[in-house]
């Protein structure tokens, strides 16, 4: 992993980029920071709502969520570089100054 996260894991888990104004039934939602074991597509979207289409590679850290959405299990990954952009640009947070 070449990217150095700008926030502590606890900060990432406080802000879920997949939450929104959707009218869906979400149950058994779990989020955590994981080191991915296989390649996954990053589910981040740019500020205009268009997919960024890039991969998260094995060994990289990612925000992971799985949940029962409208009766079907789903899961998503977001790389920490995109999470940092989300937290800085959308949530207005300043990067952590302390050691991780």
C-alpha atoms as a PDB file:
ATOM      1  CA  UNK A   1       0.000   0.000   0.000  1.00  0.00           C
ATOM      2  CA  UNK A   2       1.542   3.281  -1.098  1.00  0.00           C
ATOM      3  CA  UNK A   3      -1.156   5.601   0.249  1.00  0.00           C
ATOM      4  CA  UNK A   4      -0.952   6.985   3.795  1.00  0.00           C
ATOM      5  CA  UNK A   5      -4.431   7.543   5.298  1.00  0.00           C
ATOM      6  CA  UNK A   6      -5.117  11.048   6.620  1.00  0.00           C
ATOM      7  CA  UNK A   7      -7.487   9.992   9.440  1.00  0.00           C
ATOM      8  CA  UNK A   8      -7.751   7.409  12.190  1.00  0.00           C
ATOM      9  CA  UNK A   9      -9.953   4.360  11.607  1.00  0.00           C
ATOM     10  CA  UNK A  10     -12.478   5.661  14.144  1.00  0.00           C
ATOM     11  CA  UNK A  11     -12.983   8.812  12.068  1.00  0.00           C
ATOM     12  CA  UNK A  12     -13.617   6.840   8.879  1.00  0.00           C
ATOM     13  CA  UNK A  13     -16.234   4.747  10.654  1.00  0.00           C
ATOM     14  CA  UNK A  14     -18.151   7.821  11.871  1.00  0.00           C
ATOM     15  CA  UNK A  15     -18.873   8.979   8.295  1.00  0.00           C
ATOM     16  CA  UNK A  16     -20.436   6.454   5.937  1.00  0.00           C
ATOM     17  CA  UNK A  17     -20.187   7.595   2.291  1.00  0.00           C
ATOM     18  CA  UNK A  18     -22.869   5.077   1.301  1.00  0.00           C
ATOM     19  CA  UNK A  19     -25.523   6.578   3.587  1.00  0.00           C
ATOM     20  CA  UNK A  20     -27.867   8.966   1.886  1.00  0.00           C
ATOM     21  CA  UNK A  21     -31.425  10.029   1.308  1.00  0.00           C
ATOM     22  CA  UNK A  22     -32.387   6.687  -0.191  1.00  0.00           C
ATOM     23  CA  UNK A  23     -35.800   5.305   0.631  1.00  0.00           C
ATOM     24  CA  UNK A  24     -34.614   1.766   1.407  1.00  0.00           C
ATOM     25  CA  UNK A  25     -34.855  -0.617   4.338  1.00  0.00           C
ATOM     26  CA  UNK A  26     -31.320  -1.183   5.693  1.00  0.00           C
ATOM     27  CA  UNK A  27     -30.724  -3.789   8.402  1.00  0.00           C
ATOM     28  CA  UNK A  28     -27.744  -5.554   9.948  1.00  0.00           C
ATOM     29  CA  UNK A  29     -25.416  -2.848   8.649  1.00  0.00           C
ATOM     30  CA  UNK A  30     -21.764  -3.311   9.579  1.00  0.00           C
ATOM     31  CA  UNK A  31     -18.821  -1.118   8.637  1.00  0.00           C
ATOM     32  CA  UNK A  32     -15.119  -1.544   9.287  1.00  0.00           C
ATOM     33  CA  UNK A  33     -11.703  -0.740   7.879  1.00  0.00           C
ATOM     34  CA  UNK A  34     -10.199  -3.790   6.186  1.00  0.00           C
ATOM     35  CA  UNK A  35      -7.068  -4.782   4.325  1.00  0.00           C
ATOM     36  CA  UNK A  36      -8.517  -6.238   1.128  1.00  0.00           C
ATOM     37  CA  UNK A  37      -7.431  -9.715   0.066  1.00  0.00           C
ATOM     38  CA  UNK A  38      -8.609  -9.515  -3.526  1.00  0.00           C
ATOM     39  CA  UNK A  39      -9.230  -6.752  -6.040  1.00  0.00           C
ATOM     40  CA  UNK A  40     -12.479  -4.795  -5.560  1.00  0.00           C
ATOM     41  CA  UNK A  41     -13.934  -1.838  -7.409  1.00  0.00           C
ATOM     42  CA  UNK A  42     -13.967   1.327  -5.313  1.00  0.00           C
ATOM     43  CA  UNK A  43     -17.575   2.460  -4.917  1.00  0.00           C
ATOM     44  CA  UNK A  44     -16.681   6.159  -4.525  1.00  0.00           C
ATOM     45  CA  UNK A  45     -18.367   8.804  -6.612  1.00  0.00           C
ATOM     46  CA  UNK A  46     -16.987  12.195  -7.533  1.00  0.00           C
ATOM     47  CA  UNK A  47     -18.705  15.410  -6.523  1.00  0.00           C
ATOM     48  CA  UNK A  48     -20.970  15.225  -9.592  1.00  0.00           C
ATOM     49  CA  UNK A  49     -22.183  11.714  -8.825  1.00  0.00           C
ATOM     50  CA  UNK A  50     -20.238   9.995 -11.589  1.00  0.00           C
ATOM     51  CA  UNK A  51     -18.390   6.792 -10.665  1.00  0.00           C
ATOM     52  CA  UNK A  52     -14.616   7.125 -10.397  1.00  0.00           C
ATOM     53  CA  UNK A  53     -14.023   3.548 -11.641  1.00  0.00           C
ATOM     54  CA  UNK A  54     -10.812   2.380 -10.096  1.00  0.00           C
ATOM     55  CA  UNK A  55      -9.710  -0.712  -8.246  1.00  0.00           C
ATOM     56  CA  UNK A  56      -8.655  -1.368  -4.684  1.00  0.00           C
ATOM     57  CA  UNK A  57      -5.762  -3.809  -4.816  1.00  0.00           C
ATOM     58  CA  UNK A  58      -4.881  -6.654  -2.449  1.00  0.00           C
ATOM     59  CA  UNK A  59      -3.098  -5.288   0.612  1.00  0.00           C
ATOM     60  CA  UNK A  60      -4.736  -1.852   0.388  1.00  0.00           C
ATOM     61  CA  UNK A  61      -6.905  -0.551   3.235  1.00  0.00           C
ATOM     62  CA  UNK A  62     -10.553   0.200   2.513  1.00  0.00           C
ATOM     63  CA  UNK A  63     -13.799   1.238   4.169  1.00  0.00           C
ATOM     64  CA  UNK A  64     -16.028  -1.852   3.946  1.00  0.00           C
ATOM     65  CA  UNK A  65     -19.761  -2.065   4.470  1.00  0.00           C
ATOM     66  CA  UNK A  66     -22.185  -4.950   4.275  1.00  0.00           C
ATOM     67  CA  UNK A  67     -25.887  -4.805   5.023  1.00  0.00           C
ATOM     68  CA  UNK A  68     -29.267  -6.279   4.283  1.00  0.00           C
ATOM     69  CA  UNK A  69     -30.818  -3.741   1.888  1.00  0.00           C
ATOM     70  CA  UNK A  70     -34.477  -4.231   0.999  1.00  0.00           C
ATOM     71  CA  UNK A  71     -34.141  -7.904   1.906  1.00  0.00           C
ATOM     72  CA  UNK A  72     -30.944  -8.609  -0.101  1.00  0.00           C
ATOM     73  CA  UNK A  73     -27.373  -8.738   1.171  1.00  0.00           C
ATOM     74  CA  UNK A  74     -25.002  -6.235  -0.344  1.00  0.00           C
ATOM     75  CA  UNK A  75     -21.445  -5.101   0.219  1.00  0.00           C
ATOM     76  CA  UNK A  76     -19.317  -2.157  -0.865  1.00  0.00           C
ATOM     77  CA  UNK A  77     -15.718  -1.024  -0.583  1.00  0.00           C
ATOM     78  CA  UNK A  78     -14.271   2.486  -0.741  1.00  0.00           C
ATOM     79  CA  UNK A  79     -10.509   3.084  -0.819  1.00  0.00           C
ATOM     80  CA  UNK A  80      -9.142   5.304   1.942  1.00  0.00           C
ATOM     81  CA  UNK A  81      -7.837   7.839  -0.574  1.00  0.00           C
ATOM     82  CA  UNK A  82     -11.439   8.412  -1.749  1.00  0.00           C
ATOM     83  CA  UNK A  83     -12.635   8.356   1.872  1.00  0.00           C
ATOM     84  CA  UNK A  84     -10.128  11.115   2.659  1.00  0.00           C
ATOM     85  CA  UNK A  85     -11.482  13.195  -0.232  1.00  0.00           C
ATOM     86  CA  UNK A  86     -15.034  12.590   0.998  1.00  0.00           C
ATOM     87  CA  UNK A  87     -14.184  13.584   4.584  1.00  0.00           C
ATOM     88  CA  UNK A  88     -12.282  16.721   3.574  1.00  0.00           C
ATOM     89  CA  UNK A  89     -14.501  17.963   0.712  1.00  0.00           C
ATOM     90  CA  UNK A  90     -17.973  16.796   1.807  1.00  0.00           C
ATOM     91  CA  UNK A  91     -17.764  16.521   5.602  1.00  0.00           C
ATOM     92  CA  UNK A  92     -15.408  19.494   6.015  1.00  0.00           C
ATOM     93  CA  UNK A  93     -12.945  17.671   8.281  1.00  0.00           C
ATOM     94  CA  UNK A  94      -9.284  18.545   8.684  1.00  0.00           C
ATOM     95  CA  UNK A  95      -6.789  15.653   8.394  1.00  0.00           C
ATOM     96  CA  UNK A  96      -5.546  14.236  11.687  1.00  0.00           C
ATOM     97  CA  UNK A  97      -2.264  15.695  12.863  1.00  0.00           C
ATOM     98  CA  UNK A  98      -1.515  12.831  15.258  1.00  0.00           C
ATOM     99  CA  UNK A  99       0.198   9.549  14.485  1.00  0.00           C
ATOM    100  CA  UNK A 100      -2.187   6.811  13.345  1.00  0.00           C
END
